[in-house]
């Protein structure tokens, strides 16, 4: 009976070792998704508002010179 409980404990430990990177990757992907969503929202604001909050506004004068 002792060997059965060791197997269960061992497999649970292995499962935790596999689950940890998956959870970390999931959290990282979620954070990246939120970051990109926030950037898209900020980019969709009018340039006057982006300028007021300090978000970079494309410089239209460089487009005219090219």
C-alpha atoms as a PDB file:
ATOM      1  CA  UNK A   1       0.000   0.000   0.000  1.00  0.00           C
ATOM      2  CA  UNK A   2       2.856   2.362   0.684  1.00  0.00           C
ATOM      3  CA  UNK A   3       4.025   2.197  -2.928  1.00  0.00           C
ATOM      4  CA  UNK A   4       0.564   3.186  -4.181  1.00  0.00           C
ATOM      5  CA  UNK A   5       0.541   6.351  -2.087  1.00  0.00           C
ATOM      6  CA  UNK A   6       4.057   7.186  -3.279  1.00  0.00           C
ATOM      7  CA  UNK A   7       2.984   6.903  -6.902  1.00  0.00           C
ATOM      8  CA  UNK A   8       0.041   9.194  -6.305  1.00  0.00           C
ATOM      9  CA  UNK A   9       2.260  11.689  -4.530  1.00  0.00           C
ATOM     10  CA  UNK A  10       4.905  11.465  -7.232  1.00  0.00           C
ATOM     11  CA  UNK A  11       2.448  11.926 -10.106  1.00  0.00           C
ATOM     12  CA  UNK A  12       0.870  14.891  -8.306  1.00  0.00           C
ATOM     13  CA  UNK A  13       4.290  16.468  -7.977  1.00  0.00           C
ATOM     14  CA  UNK A  14       4.944  15.942 -11.678  1.00  0.00           C
ATOM     15  CA  UNK A  15       1.591  17.458 -12.523  1.00  0.00           C
ATOM     16  CA  UNK A  16       2.461  20.562 -10.497  1.00  0.00           C
ATOM     17  CA  UNK A  17       5.784  20.823 -12.325  1.00  0.00           C
ATOM     18  CA  UNK A  18       3.964  20.715 -15.646  1.00  0.00           C
ATOM     19  CA  UNK A  19       1.157  23.027 -14.587  1.00  0.00           C
ATOM     20  CA  UNK A  20       3.371  25.839 -13.278  1.00  0.00           C
ATOM     21  CA  UNK A  21       4.880  26.806 -16.689  1.00  0.00           C
ATOM     22  CA  UNK A  22       1.458  26.553 -18.307  1.00  0.00           C
ATOM     23  CA  UNK A  23      -0.058  28.874 -15.706  1.00  0.00           C
ATOM     24  CA  UNK A  24       2.857  31.303 -16.054  1.00  0.00           C
ATOM     25  CA  UNK A  25       2.510  31.308 -19.836  1.00  0.00           C
ATOM     26  CA  UNK A  26      -1.231  31.876 -19.559  1.00  0.00           C
ATOM     27  CA  UNK A  27      -0.732  34.807 -17.200  1.00  0.00           C
ATOM     28  CA  UNK A  28       1.924  36.274 -19.488  1.00  0.00           C
ATOM     29  CA  UNK A  29      -0.282  35.937 -22.559  1.00  0.00           C
ATOM     30  CA  UNK A  30      -3.173  37.557 -20.709  1.00  0.00           C
ATOM     31  CA  UNK A  31      -0.972  40.484 -19.657  1.00  0.00           C
ATOM     32  CA  UNK A  32       0.258  40.930 -23.251  1.00  0.00           C
ATOM     33  CA  UNK A  33      -3.310  40.821 -24.537  1.00  0.00           C
ATOM     34  CA  UNK A  34      -4.348  43.526 -22.051  1.00  0.00           C
ATOM     35  CA  UNK A  35      -1.314  45.646 -22.961  1.00  0.00           C
ATOM     36  CA  UNK A  36      -2.098  45.471 -26.688  1.00  0.00           C
ATOM     37  CA  UNK A  37      -5.773  46.176 -26.030  1.00  0.00           C
ATOM     38  CA  UNK A  38      -4.812  49.295 -24.039  1.00  0.00           C
ATOM     39  CA  UNK A  39      -2.445  50.452 -26.781  1.00  0.00           C
ATOM     40  CA  UNK A  40      -5.178  50.051 -29.412  1.00  0.00           C
ATOM     41  CA  UNK A  41      -7.576  52.028 -27.227  1.00  0.00           C
ATOM     42  CA  UNK A  42      -5.037  54.829 -26.769  1.00  0.00           C
ATOM     43  CA  UNK A  43      -4.200  54.879 -30.474  1.00  0.00           C
ATOM     44  CA  UNK A  44      -7.898  55.245 -31.281  1.00  0.00           C
ATOM     45  CA  UNK A  45      -8.137  58.496 -29.297  1.00  0.00           C
ATOM     46  CA  UNK A  46      -7.973  61.799 -31.171  1.00  0.00           C
ATOM     47  CA  UNK A  47      -4.448  63.187 -31.486  1.00  0.00           C
ATOM     48  CA  UNK A  48      -5.280  66.196 -29.274  1.00  0.00           C
ATOM     49  CA  UNK A  49      -6.213  63.932 -26.368  1.00  0.00           C
ATOM     50  CA  UNK A  50      -3.182  61.673 -26.925  1.00  0.00           C
ATOM     51  CA  UNK A  51      -0.976  64.740 -26.852  1.00  0.00           C
ATOM     52  CA  UNK A  52      -2.611  65.962 -23.603  1.00  0.00           C
ATOM     53  CA  UNK A  53      -2.001  62.662 -21.815  1.00  0.00           C
ATOM     54  CA  UNK A  54       1.564  62.352 -23.112  1.00  0.00           C
ATOM     55  CA  UNK A  55       0.988  59.517 -25.567  1.00  0.00           C
ATOM     56  CA  UNK A  56       3.189  59.810 -28.678  1.00  0.00           C
ATOM     57  CA  UNK A  57       1.452  61.460 -31.602  1.00  0.00           C
ATOM     58  CA  UNK A  58       2.764  60.790 -35.107  1.00  0.00           C
ATOM     59  CA  UNK A  59       4.479  63.833 -36.519  1.00  0.00           C
ATOM     60  CA  UNK A  60       2.680  64.783 -39.747  1.00  0.00           C
ATOM     61  CA  UNK A  61       5.515  67.100 -40.878  1.00  0.00           C
ATOM     62  CA  UNK A  62       7.878  64.160 -41.473  1.00  0.00           C
ATOM     63  CA  UNK A  63       5.331  62.567 -43.820  1.00  0.00           C
ATOM     64  CA  UNK A  64       5.138  65.747 -45.902  1.00  0.00           C
ATOM     65  CA  UNK A  65       8.911  65.956 -46.261  1.00  0.00           C
ATOM     66  CA  UNK A  66       9.274  62.417 -47.631  1.00  0.00           C
END
